[in-house]
Amino acid sequence: FITRADELQDIIGYTFKDKSYLWNALTHSSFSNECRAQKKNVSCNERLEFLGDSVLGFVTAQYLFEKDRVPDEGELTKLRAAVVCEKALCGYSKQLGLGQYALLGRGEQHSGGAERPSILADMYEAVLAAIYLDGGMEPAEKFVLRFIVPEAESQRRRKFKDYKTALQEIVQQNPGERLEYVLSGEFGPDHNKTFVTEVHLNSNVIGVGRGRSKKESEQQAAHEALKLMGYE
């Protein structure tokens, strides 16, 4: 275990003062149950998973609160749910290769437990809790943000794929604001035209976009406006 623990610590980016935390984080209930059957007292990672879930939720909520300017609590809740769901956590575990270090019972091992999404997601939370207990909030936060930040950015890009709709929804939160798209130019031959569109907010230009069609140029203008407003 010592050699593999050193290897995993390099991958995680954290060196444990007490490696028993890491051992515990990797131990599935199926393994601890087999050990108990042999009169060996080995704890599984379920308690660590419980704690890790709370640490993950706090760090994620704080990051999104500080980073996102979306005033709607519901939107922040949706984004948080997307970056800490089982599918996302399983993905983080796979990036670390945690499955190959999992301590599983023989039955669980033979049935593909090392690749089971629920087990991998739980392991991620357990490892997070182990880091928190061993080193405190600072390394735990660093571990979370390593995965949460790129995933949140990916979720934002998916959400804002229809930039015009996203911009309209944001502007509508302030009654009386008026959004307008103005074709400001077009150039090139008929078979290969480029259109230039400005998006105006109360007559002020907040974004300029170019595209092979008017629709595409409007989308790009909305995209620029979203970036200016801090939503991209």
C-alpha atoms as a PDB file:
ATOM      1  CA  PHE A   1       0.000   0.000   0.000  1.00  0.00           C
ATOM      2  CA  ILE A   2       2.838   2.434   0.810  1.00  0.00           C
ATOM      3  CA  THR A   3       4.167   2.479  -2.777  1.00  0.00           C
ATOM      4  CA  ARG A   4       0.692   2.861  -4.268  1.00  0.00           C
ATOM      5  CA  ALA A   5      -0.189   5.534  -1.699  1.00  0.00           C
ATOM      6  CA  ASP A   6       2.881   7.555  -2.705  1.00  0.00           C
ATOM      7  CA  GLU A   7       1.880   7.175  -6.344  1.00  0.00           C
ATOM      8  CA  LEU A   8      -1.699   8.288  -5.667  1.00  0.00           C
ATOM      9  CA  GLN A   9      -0.591  11.248  -3.551  1.00  0.00           C
ATOM     10  CA  ASP A  10       1.415  12.517  -6.527  1.00  0.00           C
ATOM     11  CA  ILE A  11      -1.687  12.232  -8.700  1.00  0.00           C
ATOM     12  CA  ILE A  12      -3.927  13.908  -6.114  1.00  0.00           C
ATOM     13  CA  GLY A  13      -1.403  16.663  -5.507  1.00  0.00           C
ATOM     14  CA  TYR A  14      -1.445  16.311  -1.728  1.00  0.00           C
ATOM     15  CA  THR A  15       0.867  14.488   0.693  1.00  0.00           C
ATOM     16  CA  PHE A  16      -0.851  13.074   3.763  1.00  0.00           C
ATOM     17  CA  LYS A  17       0.658  13.452   7.192  1.00  0.00           C
ATOM     18  CA  ASP A  18      -1.532  10.545   8.312  1.00  0.00           C
ATOM     19  CA  LYS A  19      -1.886   8.067   5.454  1.00  0.00           C
ATOM     20  CA  SER A  20      -4.591   6.144   7.291  1.00  0.00           C
ATOM     21  CA  TYR A  21      -7.025   8.815   6.077  1.00  0.00           C
ATOM     22  CA  LEU A  22      -6.177   7.949   2.484  1.00  0.00           C
ATOM     23  CA  TRP A  23      -6.425   4.207   3.186  1.00  0.00           C
ATOM     24  CA  ASN A  24      -9.855   4.753   4.722  1.00  0.00           C
ATOM     25  CA  ALA A  25     -11.016   6.892   1.760  1.00  0.00           C
ATOM     26  CA  LEU A  26     -10.223   4.099  -0.684  1.00  0.00           C
ATOM     27  CA  THR A  27     -11.950   1.354   1.327  1.00  0.00           C
ATOM     28  CA  HIS A  28     -15.354   0.287   0.026  1.00  0.00           C
ATOM     29  CA  SER A  29     -17.885  -1.323   2.375  1.00  0.00           C
ATOM     30  CA  SER A  30     -17.565  -4.631   0.495  1.00  0.00           C
ATOM     31  CA  PHE A  31     -13.876  -4.796   1.457  1.00  0.00           C
ATOM     32  CA  SER A  32     -14.445  -3.855   5.106  1.00  0.00           C
ATOM     33  CA  ASN A  33     -17.256  -6.434   5.352  1.00  0.00           C
ATOM     34  CA  GLU A  34     -14.918  -9.176   4.117  1.00  0.00           C
ATOM     35  CA  CYS A  35     -12.310  -8.059   6.632  1.00  0.00           C
ATOM     36  CA  ARG A  36     -14.853  -8.178   9.458  1.00  0.00           C
ATOM     37  CA  ALA A  37     -15.770 -11.713   8.415  1.00  0.00           C
ATOM     38  CA  GLN A  38     -12.097 -12.542   9.022  1.00  0.00           C
ATOM     39  CA  LYS A  39     -12.211 -10.831  12.423  1.00  0.00           C
ATOM     40  CA  LYS A  40     -10.302  -7.802  11.137  1.00  0.00           C
ATOM     41  CA  ASN A  41     -11.606  -4.353  12.011  1.00  0.00           C
ATOM     42  CA  VAL A  42     -11.337  -2.199   8.870  1.00  0.00           C
ATOM     43  CA  SER A  43     -13.537   0.880   8.429  1.00  0.00           C
ATOM     44  CA  CYS A  44     -15.129   1.721   5.067  1.00  0.00           C
ATOM     45  CA  ASN A  45     -15.240   5.165   3.483  1.00  0.00           C
ATOM     46  CA  GLU A  46     -18.949   5.904   4.058  1.00  0.00           C
ATOM     47  CA  ARG A  47     -18.395   8.329   6.954  1.00  0.00           C
ATOM     48  CA  LEU A  48     -15.728  10.151   4.966  1.00  0.00           C
ATOM     49  CA  GLU A  49     -18.076  10.323   1.995  1.00  0.00           C
ATOM     50  CA  PHE A  50     -20.705  11.979   4.225  1.00  0.00           C
ATOM     51  CA  LEU A  51     -18.231  14.648   5.363  1.00  0.00           C
ATOM     52  CA  GLY A  52     -16.777  15.108   1.881  1.00  0.00           C
ATOM     53  CA  ASP A  53     -20.218  15.808   0.471  1.00  0.00           C
ATOM     54  CA  SER A  54     -20.597  18.755   2.866  1.00  0.00           C
ATOM     55  CA  VAL A  55     -17.121  20.149   2.190  1.00  0.00           C
ATOM     56  CA  LEU A  56     -17.714  19.823  -1.549  1.00  0.00           C
ATOM     57  CA  GLY A  57     -21.053  21.617  -1.296  1.00  0.00           C
ATOM     58  CA  PHE A  58     -19.616  24.505   0.711  1.00  0.00           C
ATOM     59  CA  VAL A  59     -16.550  25.076  -1.471  1.00  0.00           C
ATOM     60  CA  THR A  60     -18.624  24.859  -4.648  1.00  0.00           C
ATOM     61  CA  ALA A  61     -21.305  27.230  -3.355  1.00  0.00           C
ATOM     62  CA  GLN A  62     -18.695  29.770  -2.263  1.00  0.00           C
ATOM     63  CA  TYR A  63     -16.911  29.610  -5.620  1.00  0.00           C
ATOM     64  CA  LEU A  64     -20.129  30.054  -7.625  1.00  0.00           C
ATOM     65  CA  PHE A  65     -21.329  32.859  -5.324  1.00  0.00           C
ATOM     66  CA  GLU A  66     -18.098  34.793  -5.852  1.00  0.00           C
ATOM     67  CA  LYS A  67     -17.641  33.966  -9.551  1.00  0.00           C
ATOM     68  CA  ASP A  68     -21.169  34.128 -10.986  1.00  0.00           C
ATOM     69  CA  ARG A  69     -23.056  37.374 -11.159  1.00  0.00           C
ATOM     70  CA  VAL A  70     -26.337  35.645 -11.885  1.00  0.00           C
ATOM     71  CA  PRO A  71     -28.798  37.146  -9.376  1.00  0.00           C
ATOM     72  CA  ASP A  72     -31.201  34.206  -9.600  1.00  0.00           C
ATOM     73  CA  GLU A  73     -30.635  31.725  -6.776  1.00  0.00           C
ATOM     74  CA  GLY A  74     -32.320  29.035  -8.870  1.00  0.00           C
ATOM     75  CA  GLU A  75     -29.702  29.339 -11.618  1.00  0.00           C
ATOM     76  CA  LEU A  76     -26.867  29.073  -9.099  1.00  0.00           C
ATOM     77  CA  THR A  77     -28.522  26.010  -7.591  1.00  0.00           C
ATOM     78  CA  LYS A  78     -28.815  24.365 -11.020  1.00  0.00           C
ATOM     79  CA  LEU A  79     -25.168  25.062 -11.813  1.00  0.00           C
ATOM     80  CA  ARG A  80     -24.019  23.732  -8.449  1.00  0.00           C
ATOM     81  CA  ALA A  81     -26.104  20.581  -8.941  1.00  0.00           C
ATOM     82  CA  ALA A  82     -24.568  20.044 -12.382  1.00  0.00           C
ATOM     83  CA  VAL A  83     -20.962  20.231 -11.173  1.00  0.00           C
ATOM     84  CA  VAL A  84     -21.415  18.015  -8.094  1.00  0.00           C
ATOM     85  CA  CYS A  85     -23.807  15.381  -9.487  1.00  0.00           C
ATOM     86  CA  GLU A  86     -22.799  11.710  -9.537  1.00  0.00           C
ATOM     87  CA  LYS A  87     -21.875  11.866 -13.224  1.00  0.00           C
ATOM     88  CA  ALA A  88     -19.547  14.830 -12.663  1.00  0.00           C
ATOM     89  CA  LEU A  89     -17.926  13.312  -9.562  1.00  0.00           C
ATOM     90  CA  CYS A  90     -17.418  10.028 -11.385  1.00  0.00           C
ATOM     91  CA  GLY A  91     -15.645  11.985 -14.115  1.00  0.00           C
ATOM     92  CA  TYR A  92     -13.342  13.649 -11.575  1.00  0.00           C
ATOM     93  CA  SER A  93     -12.494  10.237 -10.099  1.00  0.00           C
ATOM     94  CA  LYS A  94     -11.693   8.882 -13.552  1.00  0.00           C
ATOM     95  CA  GLN A  95      -9.381  11.817 -14.209  1.00  0.00           C
ATOM     96  CA  LEU A  96      -7.472  10.797 -11.081  1.00  0.00           C
ATOM     97  CA  GLY A  97      -7.689   7.092 -11.854  1.00  0.00           C
ATOM     98  CA  LEU A  98      -9.115   6.392  -8.388  1.00  0.00           C
ATOM     99  CA  GLY A  99     -10.774   3.183  -9.535  1.00  0.00           C
ATOM    100  CA  GLN A 100      -7.466   1.353  -9.812  1.00  0.00           C
ATOM    101  CA  TYR A 101      -6.691   2.182  -6.161  1.00  0.00           C
ATOM    102  CA  ALA A 102     -10.093   1.172  -4.762  1.00  0.00           C
ATOM    103  CA  LEU A 103     -10.095  -1.471  -2.041  1.00  0.00           C
ATOM    104  CA  LEU A 104     -13.061  -3.647  -3.004  1.00  0.00           C
ATOM    105  CA  GLY A 105     -14.408  -6.985  -1.877  1.00  0.00           C
ATOM    106  CA  ARG A 106     -13.851  -9.882  -4.254  1.00  0.00           C
ATOM    107  CA  GLY A 107     -17.448  -9.931  -5.471  1.00  0.00           C
ATOM    108  CA  GLU A 108     -17.508  -6.183  -6.090  1.00  0.00           C
ATOM    109  CA  GLN A 109     -14.160  -6.380  -7.843  1.00  0.00           C
ATOM    110  CA  HIS A 110     -15.277  -9.141 -10.198  1.00  0.00           C
ATOM    111  CA  SER A 111     -18.523  -7.346 -11.055  1.00  0.00           C
ATOM    112  CA  GLY A 112     -16.711  -4.203 -12.234  1.00  0.00           C
ATOM    113  CA  GLY A 113     -17.036  -2.116  -9.085  1.00  0.00           C
ATOM    114  CA  ALA A 114     -13.885  -0.154  -9.901  1.00  0.00           C
ATOM    115  CA  GLU A 115     -15.764   1.391 -12.842  1.00  0.00           C
ATOM    116  CA  ARG A 116     -19.175   1.805 -11.161  1.00  0.00           C
ATOM    117  CA  PRO A 117     -20.174   5.513 -11.202  1.00  0.00           C
ATOM    118  CA  SER A 118     -21.659   5.490  -7.690  1.00  0.00           C
ATOM    119  CA  ILE A 119     -18.502   3.958  -6.194  1.00  0.00           C
ATOM    120  CA  LEU A 120     -16.200   6.360  -8.045  1.00  0.00           C
ATOM    121  CA  ALA A 121     -18.305   9.375  -7.065  1.00  0.00           C
ATOM    122  CA  ASP A 122     -18.272   8.295  -3.405  1.00  0.00           C
ATOM    123  CA  MET A 123     -14.502   7.794  -3.526  1.00  0.00           C
ATOM    124  CA  TYR A 124     -13.971  11.330  -4.771  1.00  0.00           C
ATOM    125  CA  GLU A 125     -15.944  12.727  -1.826  1.00  0.00           C
ATOM    126  CA  ALA A 126     -14.147  10.417   0.598  1.00  0.00           C
ATOM    127  CA  VAL A 127     -10.708  11.473  -0.663  1.00  0.00           C
ATOM    128  CA  LEU A 128     -11.777  15.112  -0.337  1.00  0.00           C
ATOM    129  CA  ALA A 129     -12.812  14.521   3.286  1.00  0.00           C
ATOM    130  CA  ALA A 130      -9.514  12.740   3.955  1.00  0.00           C
ATOM    131  CA  ILE A 131      -7.600  15.763   2.650  1.00  0.00           C
ATOM    132  CA  TYR A 132      -9.761  18.085   4.761  1.00  0.00           C
ATOM    133  CA  LEU A 133      -9.242  16.096   7.966  1.00  0.00           C
ATOM    134  CA  ASP A 134      -5.510  15.733   7.375  1.00  0.00           C
ATOM    135  CA  GLY A 135      -4.664  19.236   6.157  1.00  0.00           C
ATOM    136  CA  GLY A 136      -7.621  21.554   6.671  1.00  0.00           C
ATOM    137  CA  MET A 137      -9.740  23.642   4.336  1.00  0.00           C
ATOM    138  CA  GLU A 138      -6.985  25.150   2.168  1.00  0.00           C
ATOM    139  CA  PRO A 139      -5.776  21.928   0.473  1.00  0.00           C
ATOM    140  CA  ALA A 140      -9.363  20.620   0.378  1.00  0.00           C
ATOM    141  CA  GLU A 141     -10.510  23.754  -1.451  1.00  0.00           C
ATOM    142  CA  LYS A 142      -7.601  23.498  -3.877  1.00  0.00           C
ATOM    143  CA  PHE A 143      -8.531  19.877  -4.610  1.00  0.00           C
ATOM    144  CA  VAL A 144     -12.183  20.772  -5.273  1.00  0.00           C
ATOM    145  CA  LEU A 145     -11.506  23.809  -7.466  1.00  0.00           C
ATOM    146  CA  ARG A 146      -9.120  21.818  -9.642  1.00  0.00           C
ATOM    147  CA  PHE A 147     -12.193  20.000 -10.970  1.00  0.00           C
ATOM    148  CA  ILE A 148     -15.109  22.316 -10.260  1.00  0.00           C
ATOM    149  CA  VAL A 149     -13.745  25.358 -12.121  1.00  0.00           C
ATOM    150  CA  PRO A 150     -13.343  23.723 -15.566  1.00  0.00           C
ATOM    151  CA  GLU A 151     -16.625  21.823 -15.159  1.00  0.00           C
ATOM    152  CA  ALA A 152     -18.505  25.018 -14.248  1.00  0.00           C
ATOM    153  CA  GLU A 153     -17.008  26.766 -17.287  1.00  0.00           C
ATOM    154  CA  SER A 154     -18.105  23.866 -19.470  1.00  0.00           C
ATOM    155  CA  GLN A 155     -21.628  24.055 -18.048  1.00  0.00           C
ATOM    156  CA  ARG A 156     -21.743  27.809 -18.672  1.00  0.00           C
ATOM    157  CA  ARG A 157     -20.704  27.356 -22.296  1.00  0.00           C
ATOM    158  CA  ARG A 158     -23.458  24.799 -22.812  1.00  0.00           C
ATOM    159  CA  LYS A 159     -26.016  27.056 -21.199  1.00  0.00           C
ATOM    160  CA  PHE A 160     -25.040  30.057 -23.304  1.00  0.00           C
ATOM    161  CA  LYS A 161     -24.902  28.230 -26.630  1.00  0.00           C
ATOM    162  CA  ASP A 162     -27.983  30.252 -27.656  1.00  0.00           C
ATOM    163  CA  TYR A 163     -26.425  33.556 -26.683  1.00  0.00           C
ATOM    164  CA  LYS A 164     -29.364  35.694 -27.824  1.00  0.00           C
ATOM    165  CA  THR A 165     -31.818  33.860 -25.581  1.00  0.00           C
ATOM    166  CA  ALA A 166     -29.407  33.988 -22.632  1.00  0.00           C
ATOM    167  CA  LEU A 167     -28.864  37.729 -23.079  1.00  0.00           C
ATOM    168  CA  GLN A 168     -32.600  38.369 -23.410  1.00  0.00           C
ATOM    169  CA  GLU A 169     -33.318  36.480 -20.177  1.00  0.00           C
ATOM    170  CA  ILE A 170     -30.722  38.516 -18.302  1.00  0.00           C
ATOM    171  CA  VAL A 171     -31.946  41.862 -19.647  1.00  0.00           C
ATOM    172  CA  GLN A 172     -35.573  40.994 -18.852  1.00  0.00           C
ATOM    173  CA  GLN A 173     -34.683  40.843 -15.171  1.00  0.00           C
ATOM    174  CA  ASN A 174     -34.557  44.663 -15.256  1.00  0.00           C
ATOM    175  CA  PRO A 175     -37.925  46.026 -16.439  1.00  0.00           C
ATOM    176  CA  GLY A 176     -37.641  48.943 -18.857  1.00  0.00           C
ATOM    177  CA  GLU A 177     -34.353  47.820 -20.442  1.00  0.00           C
ATOM    178  CA  ARG A 178     -34.564  47.591 -24.231  1.00  0.00           C
ATOM    179  CA  LEU A 179     -32.457  45.242 -26.365  1.00  0.00           C
ATOM    180  CA  GLU A 180     -32.067  45.723 -30.111  1.00  0.00           C
ATOM    181  CA  TYR A 181     -29.935  44.140 -32.857  1.00  0.00           C
ATOM    182  CA  VAL A 182     -28.765  46.513 -35.603  1.00  0.00           C
ATOM    183  CA  LEU A 183     -27.104  45.397 -38.840  1.00  0.00           C
ATOM    184  CA  SER A 184     -24.200  47.827 -39.084  1.00  0.00           C
ATOM    185  CA  GLY A 185     -22.470  46.486 -42.192  1.00  0.00           C
ATOM    186  CA  GLU A 186     -21.939  43.721 -44.712  1.00  0.00           C
ATOM    187  CA  PHE A 187     -19.073  43.059 -47.062  1.00  0.00           C
ATOM    188  CA  GLY A 188     -17.726  40.473 -49.479  1.00  0.00           C
ATOM    189  CA  PRO A 189     -19.175  38.873 -52.644  1.00  0.00           C
ATOM    190  CA  ASP A 190     -22.745  37.589 -52.634  1.00  0.00           C
ATOM    191  CA  HIS A 191     -21.657  33.963 -52.310  1.00  0.00           C
ATOM    192  CA  ASN A 192     -19.375  34.714 -49.334  1.00  0.00           C
ATOM    193  CA  LYS A 193     -20.792  37.674 -47.442  1.00  0.00           C
ATOM    194  CA  THR A 194     -19.844  38.679 -43.908  1.00  0.00           C
ATOM    195  CA  PHE A 195     -22.448  40.485 -41.818  1.00  0.00           C
ATOM    196  CA  VAL A 196     -21.686  42.798 -38.896  1.00  0.00           C
ATOM    197  CA  THR A 197     -24.296  43.300 -36.191  1.00  0.00           C
ATOM    198  CA  GLU A 198     -24.346  45.513 -33.125  1.00  0.00           C
ATOM    199  CA  VAL A 199     -26.469  44.709 -30.098  1.00  0.00           C
ATOM    200  CA  HIS A 200     -27.775  47.816 -28.351  1.00  0.00           C
ATOM    201  CA  LEU A 201     -28.982  48.113 -24.774  1.00  0.00           C
ATOM    202  CA  ASN A 202     -30.977  51.320 -24.471  1.00  0.00           C
ATOM    203  CA  SER A 203     -29.147  52.681 -27.565  1.00  0.00           C
ATOM    204  CA  ASN A 204     -25.707  51.827 -26.106  1.00  0.00           C
ATOM    205  CA  VAL A 205     -23.584  49.333 -28.065  1.00  0.00           C
ATOM    206  CA  ILE A 206     -22.732  46.422 -25.750  1.00  0.00           C
ATOM    207  CA  GLY A 207     -21.522  43.933 -28.343  1.00  0.00           C
ATOM    208  CA  VAL A 208     -20.460  43.580 -31.972  1.00  0.00           C
ATOM    209  CA  GLY A 209     -20.569  40.314 -33.890  1.00  0.00           C
ATOM    210  CA  ARG A 210     -19.560  39.028 -37.323  1.00  0.00           C
ATOM    211  CA  GLY A 211     -20.898  36.024 -39.179  1.00  0.00           C
ATOM    212  CA  ARG A 212     -21.699  34.432 -42.516  1.00  0.00           C
ATOM    213  CA  SER A 213     -25.396  35.125 -41.901  1.00  0.00           C
ATOM    214  CA  LYS A 214     -27.323  37.821 -40.078  1.00  0.00           C
ATOM    215  CA  LYS A 215     -28.415  35.256 -37.508  1.00  0.00           C
ATOM    216  CA  GLU A 216     -24.839  34.157 -36.807  1.00  0.00           C
ATOM    217  CA  SER A 217     -23.639  37.763 -36.473  1.00  0.00           C
ATOM    218  CA  GLU A 218     -26.439  38.458 -33.977  1.00  0.00           C
ATOM    219  CA  GLN A 219     -25.439  35.412 -31.915  1.00  0.00           C
ATOM    220  CA  GLN A 220     -21.819  36.584 -31.868  1.00  0.00           C
ATOM    221  CA  ALA A 221     -22.878  40.099 -30.868  1.00  0.00           C
ATOM    222  CA  ALA A 222     -24.900  38.634 -27.976  1.00  0.00           C
ATOM    223  CA  HIS A 223     -21.890  36.501 -27.007  1.00  0.00           C
ATOM    224  CA  GLU A 224     -19.687  39.606 -26.832  1.00  0.00           C
ATOM    225  CA  ALA A 225     -22.333  41.363 -24.721  1.00  0.00           C
ATOM    226  CA  LEU A 226     -22.454  38.441 -22.277  1.00  0.00           C
ATOM    227  CA  LYS A 227     -18.671  38.543 -21.904  1.00  0.00           C
ATOM    228  CA  LEU A 228     -18.779  42.308 -21.306  1.00  0.00           C
ATOM    229  CA  MET A 229     -21.390  41.786 -18.601  1.00  0.00           C
ATOM    230  CA  GLY A 230     -19.297  39.091 -16.932  1.00  0.00           C
ATOM    231  CA  TYR A 231     -21.441  36.082 -17.781  1.00  0.00           C
ATOM    232  CA  GLU A 232     -18.851  34.345 -19.971  1.00  0.00           C
END
